[in-house]
Amino acid sequence: MISVVFLPEQVVETVTVFGTSGFIAPGRTMSVYLGGVLGFLFVGGVVRWVMGRMAG
């Protein structure tokens, strides 16, 4: 489920290359907070899924 949100966010985040200020600026709110949190949740979900597959 989180990958449905994470992948489009990462695609949209590529516009930060062109941003100069505000939400879409490189290293700003979109990249650090939104991308960081979604990335963390995505990796955590993958780890949980893999651990479940290894146990069963």
Protein backbone atom coordinates (compact mmCIF):
# COMPACT_ATOMS: atom_id res chain seq x y z
CA MET A 1 0.00 0.00 0.00
CA ILE A 2 2.71 2.49 0.91
CA SER A 3 4.45 1.86 -2.42
CA VAL A 4 1.33 3.19 -4.17
CA VAL A 5 2.04 6.52 -2.45
CA PHE A 6 5.84 6.32 -2.37
CA LEU A 7 6.50 5.80 -6.07
CA PRO A 8 4.40 8.72 -7.35
CA GLU A 9 5.86 10.96 -4.64
CA GLN A 10 9.36 10.10 -5.78
CA VAL A 11 8.43 10.84 -9.39
CA VAL A 12 6.93 14.18 -8.41
CA GLU A 13 9.94 14.90 -6.21
CA THR A 14 12.13 15.00 -9.31
CA VAL A 15 10.79 18.54 -9.87
CA THR A 16 12.93 19.62 -6.92
CA VAL A 17 15.81 19.71 -9.39
CA PHE A 18 14.17 22.77 -10.93
CA GLY A 19 12.85 24.42 -7.75
CA THR A 20 14.61 27.41 -6.25
CA SER A 21 12.58 28.15 -3.13
CA GLY A 22 9.69 26.95 -1.03
CA PHE A 23 8.19 23.47 -0.97
CA ILE A 24 9.87 22.15 -4.14
CA ALA A 25 13.38 23.54 -3.59
CA PRO A 26 16.18 20.94 -3.37
CA GLY A 27 16.71 19.75 0.20
CA ARG A 28 13.59 21.50 1.44
CA THR A 29 10.23 20.37 2.78
CA MET A 30 9.22 17.96 0.00
CA SER A 31 12.56 16.17 -0.14
CA VAL A 32 13.37 16.03 3.55
CA TYR A 33 10.06 15.59 5.32
CA LEU A 34 7.64 14.10 2.82
CA GLY A 35 10.17 11.97 0.92
CA GLY A 36 12.05 10.98 4.05
CA VAL A 37 9.01 9.81 5.97
CA LEU A 38 7.52 7.95 3.01
CA GLY A 39 10.89 6.37 2.23
CA PHE A 40 11.30 5.24 5.82
CA LEU A 41 7.82 3.71 5.86
CA PHE A 42 8.42 2.01 2.52
CA VAL A 43 11.71 0.43 3.61
CA GLY A 44 10.15 -0.61 6.94
CA GLY A 45 7.26 -2.24 5.07
CA VAL A 46 9.59 -4.12 2.75
CA VAL A 47 11.67 -5.35 5.70
CA ARG A 48 8.53 -6.52 7.50
CA TRP A 49 7.28 -8.28 4.37
CA VAL A 50 10.63 -10.03 3.81
CA MET A 51 10.86 -11.14 7.42
CA GLY A 52 7.35 -12.59 7.17
CA ARG A 53 8.28 -14.48 4.01
CA MET A 54 11.46 -15.86 5.60
CA ALA A 55 9.60 -17.06 8.72
CA GLY A 56 6.84 -18.82 6.82
